[in-house]
Amino acid sequence: MKNEPVIRVQNVSKDFGQERVLHSVSRDFASGMIHGIVGNNGSGKTVLMKCICGFLFPTEGEVTVNGKVVGRDMDFPPDLGIIIETPGFLPGLTGVKNLELLASLRGKIGLREIADSIRRVGLDPNMKKPVGKYSLGMRQRLGIAQAIMENPSLLILDEPFNGLDKQGVLDMRKLIKGLKTEGKTILLASHNQMDIDELCDTVCEMDAGVMKMIREEAI
C-alpha cells in the first residue's frame, strides 16, 4: 500500500577499519514512490544502498525490507532489482546470453521476459554483438534491463544515467516514470539535479555519512 515503508533504515552506522562512513542513518522509504539520494562521491550513498541490498552489513543498527531484517531474516531482499556502480558482464557473450546466465540463478523468468526487458531499455535482443564491444551507454542500458527483468517491486538504481547520451537520459527517465506508474518503489541516486527534480517524490542528501532531508512529499 502506498506510503507504507518498504525500507526502514534504523540508526545504521558502517565502519571500514577505523573509519566510520555512515553515521546513525535513519530513514523510512514509503512504497510506490521515487526516493532521490544526492551526495558527492564518498558521501556514503552507495554504501547505504549496499547495506539495503545486503552486499554490506551495518556495524550498528539495522535495515528492514518488507518487514524482514537484512542479514538476519534474509541475506538478500528477494523482490529487488539493482544497478550499483558499473554493471559487470561477461564481455565475450551477447547481452541476451549475459542476462540468461543471471536469470538462471533464480529461475524465475525465461527468454521472453529477458527479451522484453532488453527492448524496454532501447536495445535489440537479437543483436549478436558481444557486450565487450558495447558502448558505455549500451552497457548501462543492459544493466538497467538486468535490474528490471524479473519485474521486482523494489528497485535500487545508483547513478543509472552514467554514460548515457541526451536521448538515453530522456529514454531512461521515461522508463523510470513508467515503473513508478506500475507501483514500483525506487531508490535513485544521481549527480544530475535535473534527474532528481524531475523524477523524485522525496529527496535526501548524504554528506560525510550523515543523511538529511531535502524534500519530503507533501501529504
Protein backbone atom coordinates (compact mmCIF):
# COMPACT_ATOMS: atom_id res chain seq x y z
CA MET A 1 0.00 0.00 0.00
CA LYS A 2 1.31 3.43 -0.89
CA ASN A 3 3.10 5.35 1.89
CA GLU A 4 3.80 2.20 3.91
CA PRO A 5 7.56 1.96 4.50
CA VAL A 6 9.04 -0.71 2.25
CA ILE A 7 12.54 0.06 3.53
CA ARG A 8 13.29 1.09 7.09
CA VAL A 9 16.83 2.18 7.94
CA GLN A 10 17.28 2.45 11.71
CA ASN A 11 20.38 4.03 13.29
CA VAL A 12 22.69 2.49 10.69
CA SER A 13 26.40 3.12 11.07
CA LYS A 14 29.10 1.47 8.99
CA ASP A 15 32.81 1.29 9.73
CA PHE A 16 35.65 0.26 7.46
CA GLY A 17 38.53 -0.32 9.83
CA GLN A 18 38.91 2.83 11.90
CA GLU A 19 36.87 4.96 9.51
CA ARG A 20 33.14 5.48 10.03
CA VAL A 21 31.48 6.09 6.67
CA LEU A 22 27.82 6.07 7.81
CA HIS A 23 26.74 7.87 10.99
CA SER A 24 23.46 6.73 12.62
CA VAL A 25 21.38 6.98 9.43
CA SER A 26 17.62 6.60 9.98
CA ARG A 27 15.05 6.89 7.22
CA ASP A 28 11.81 5.25 6.10
CA PHE A 29 11.19 4.86 2.37
CA ALA A 30 7.49 4.60 1.53
CA SER A 31 6.15 2.31 -1.17
CA GLY A 32 5.10 3.37 -4.65
CA MET A 33 7.38 6.42 -4.73
CA ILE A 34 10.70 7.51 -6.21
CA HIS A 35 13.15 8.47 -3.47
CA GLY A 36 16.19 10.50 -4.51
CA ILE A 37 19.51 10.34 -2.71
CA VAL A 38 22.05 13.00 -3.61
CA GLY A 39 25.63 13.42 -2.49
CA ASN A 40 29.18 13.71 -3.75
CA ASN A 41 31.46 10.74 -4.33
CA GLY A 42 32.47 9.38 -0.94
CA SER A 43 29.38 10.81 0.79
CA GLY A 44 28.14 7.35 1.80
CA LYS A 45 25.14 6.97 -0.52
CA THR A 46 26.49 3.89 -2.33
CA VAL A 47 27.49 2.28 1.00
CA LEU A 48 23.94 2.88 2.28
CA MET A 49 22.47 1.30 -0.86
CA LYS A 50 24.76 -1.72 -0.44
CA CYS A 51 23.55 -2.10 3.16
CA ILE A 52 19.94 -2.09 1.94
CA CYS A 53 20.77 -4.71 -0.72
CA GLY A 54 22.62 -6.98 1.70
CA PHE A 55 26.00 -6.54 -0.02
CA LEU A 56 27.31 -4.95 3.19
CA PHE A 57 26.10 -5.33 6.77
CA PRO A 58 25.88 -2.37 9.16
CA THR A 59 28.35 -2.09 12.04
CA GLU A 60 25.44 -0.76 14.12
CA GLY A 61 21.69 -0.51 13.53
CA GLU A 62 19.59 -2.48 11.08
CA VAL A 63 17.89 -2.35 7.70
CA THR A 64 14.41 -3.80 7.25
CA VAL A 65 12.93 -4.51 3.81
CA ASN A 66 9.27 -5.53 3.64
CA GLY A 67 9.30 -6.27 7.37
CA LYS A 68 12.38 -8.52 7.34
CA VAL A 69 15.81 -7.60 8.67
CA VAL A 70 18.57 -7.78 6.06
CA GLY A 71 21.38 -10.05 7.28
CA ARG A 72 19.22 -11.74 9.90
CA ASP A 73 15.90 -12.80 8.36
CA MET A 74 17.38 -12.88 4.84
CA ASP A 75 20.73 -12.30 3.18
CA PHE A 76 19.30 -10.50 0.18
CA PRO A 77 15.84 -8.99 -0.31
CA PRO A 78 14.15 -11.35 -2.81
CA ASP A 79 11.95 -8.89 -4.73
CA LEU A 80 14.68 -6.41 -5.58
CA GLY A 81 16.35 -5.16 -8.77
CA ILE A 82 19.62 -3.27 -8.54
CA ILE A 83 22.22 -1.40 -10.51
CA ILE A 84 25.14 -0.27 -8.36
CA GLU A 85 28.39 1.06 -9.79
CA THR A 86 29.48 -0.23 -13.23
CA PRO A 87 27.46 -3.27 -14.32
CA GLY A 88 29.69 -6.34 -14.62
CA PHE A 89 29.03 -8.55 -17.64
CA LEU A 90 30.97 -11.29 -19.44
CA PRO A 91 32.50 -9.41 -22.40
CA GLY A 92 32.54 -12.33 -24.82
CA LEU A 93 28.81 -13.03 -24.61
CA THR A 94 25.83 -11.17 -26.08
CA GLY A 95 23.52 -9.11 -23.90
CA VAL A 96 20.83 -11.78 -24.02
CA LYS A 97 23.29 -14.53 -23.02
CA ASN A 98 24.55 -12.44 -20.09
CA LEU A 99 21.02 -11.89 -18.82
CA GLU A 100 20.13 -15.55 -19.37
CA LEU A 101 23.03 -16.56 -17.11
CA LEU A 102 21.95 -14.10 -14.40
CA ALA A 103 18.30 -15.17 -14.68
CA SER A 104 19.27 -18.84 -14.28
CA LEU A 105 20.46 -18.12 -10.71
CA ARG A 106 16.86 -17.72 -9.55
CA GLY A 107 14.98 -19.47 -12.33
CA LYS A 108 12.05 -17.03 -12.17
CA ILE A 109 11.96 -15.89 -15.80
CA GLY A 110 12.68 -17.13 -19.31
CA LEU A 111 13.88 -15.76 -22.61
CA ARG A 112 10.64 -13.90 -23.34
CA GLU A 113 10.92 -11.73 -20.21
CA ILE A 114 14.62 -11.14 -20.86
CA ALA A 115 13.94 -10.02 -24.44
CA ASP A 116 11.10 -7.77 -23.24
CA SER A 117 13.34 -6.03 -20.70
CA ILE A 118 16.07 -5.52 -23.30
CA ARG A 119 13.58 -3.93 -25.70
CA ARG A 120 12.24 -1.77 -22.89
CA VAL A 121 15.62 -0.09 -22.42
CA GLY A 122 16.00 0.53 -26.16
CA LEU A 123 18.31 -2.33 -27.12
CA ASP A 124 17.75 -5.11 -29.67
CA PRO A 125 17.58 -8.59 -28.10
CA ASN A 126 18.60 -10.14 -31.43
CA MET A 127 21.88 -8.18 -31.59
CA LYS A 128 24.84 -10.57 -31.98
CA LYS A 129 27.47 -8.06 -30.84
CA PRO A 130 29.24 -9.22 -27.63
CA VAL A 131 28.96 -6.96 -24.59
CA GLY A 132 32.71 -6.27 -24.76
CA LYS A 133 32.01 -4.25 -27.94
CA TYR A 134 29.14 -2.27 -26.37
CA SER A 135 29.48 1.47 -25.78
CA LEU A 136 29.31 2.66 -22.17
CA GLY A 137 25.73 3.81 -22.74
CA MET A 138 24.67 0.45 -24.19
CA ARG A 139 26.23 -1.34 -21.23
CA GLN A 140 24.36 0.96 -18.87
CA ARG A 141 21.07 0.22 -20.67
CA LEU A 142 21.78 -3.51 -20.34
CA GLY A 143 22.43 -3.00 -16.62
CA ILE A 144 19.01 -1.39 -16.26
CA ALA A 145 17.44 -4.27 -18.24
CA GLN A 146 19.07 -6.67 -15.77
CA ALA A 147 17.60 -4.71 -12.84
CA ILE A 148 14.02 -4.80 -14.19
CA MET A 149 13.90 -8.19 -15.96
CA GLU A 150 12.38 -10.15 -13.05
CA ASN A 151 9.70 -7.46 -12.51
CA PRO A 152 10.76 -6.62 -8.93
CA SER A 153 8.60 -4.38 -6.75
CA LEU A 154 11.69 -2.56 -5.41
CA LEU A 155 14.48 -1.01 -7.48
CA ILE A 156 17.76 0.47 -6.26
CA LEU A 157 19.38 2.50 -9.03
CA ASP A 158 22.78 4.01 -8.25
CA GLU A 159 23.66 6.56 -10.96
CA PRO A 160 21.59 4.77 -13.65
CA PHE A 161 22.19 7.56 -16.18
CA ASN A 162 26.00 7.19 -16.22
CA GLY A 163 27.36 7.01 -19.76
CA LEU A 164 24.03 7.77 -21.43
CA ASP A 165 23.74 10.42 -24.11
CA LYS A 166 20.99 13.05 -24.02
CA GLN A 167 18.43 10.80 -25.74
CA GLY A 168 19.40 7.91 -23.49
CA VAL A 169 18.77 10.01 -20.40
CA LEU A 170 15.34 11.02 -21.72
CA ASP A 171 14.53 7.38 -22.52
CA MET A 172 15.53 6.18 -19.05
CA ARG A 173 13.64 8.98 -17.29
CA LYS A 174 10.52 7.91 -19.20
CA LEU A 175 11.16 4.28 -18.24
CA ILE A 176 11.58 5.13 -14.54
CA LYS A 177 8.38 7.18 -14.54
CA GLY A 178 6.61 4.20 -16.12
CA LEU A 179 7.96 1.88 -13.43
CA LYS A 180 6.55 4.18 -10.76
CA THR A 181 3.17 4.12 -12.52
CA GLU A 182 3.30 0.33 -12.23
CA GLY A 183 3.59 0.73 -8.44
CA LYS A 184 7.32 0.13 -8.05
CA THR A 185 9.28 1.66 -5.20
CA ILE A 186 12.53 3.19 -6.47
CA LEU A 187 15.65 4.48 -4.70
CA LEU A 188 17.57 6.66 -7.14
CA ALA A 189 21.00 8.21 -6.73
CA SER A 190 22.07 10.75 -9.33
CA HIS A 191 24.61 13.55 -9.62
CA ASN A 192 22.28 15.37 -12.01
CA GLN A 193 19.92 17.75 -10.25
CA MET A 194 17.51 17.68 -13.22
CA ASP A 195 17.09 13.91 -12.82
CA ILE A 196 16.28 14.37 -9.14
CA ASP A 197 13.95 17.34 -9.68
CA GLU A 198 12.01 15.67 -12.49
CA LEU A 199 11.70 12.15 -11.08
CA CYS A 200 11.78 12.13 -7.29
CA ASP A 201 8.93 12.42 -4.78
CA THR A 202 11.32 12.74 -1.85
CA VAL A 203 14.97 13.80 -1.73
CA CYS A 204 17.57 13.32 0.96
CA GLU A 205 21.24 14.24 0.93
CA MET A 206 24.23 12.26 2.13
CA ASP A 207 27.22 14.27 3.28
CA ALA A 208 30.18 12.62 5.03
CA GLY A 209 27.98 9.71 6.06
CA VAL A 210 25.20 11.84 7.54
CA MET A 211 21.73 11.95 5.96
CA LYS A 212 19.41 14.93 5.98
CA MET A 213 16.09 15.53 4.28
CA ILE A 214 15.98 17.98 1.41
CA ARG A 215 12.41 17.46 0.25
CA GLU A 216 9.60 15.36 1.70
CA GLU A 217 6.43 14.76 -0.28
CA ALA A 218 3.52 16.85 0.93
CA ILE A 219 0.85 14.63 2.46
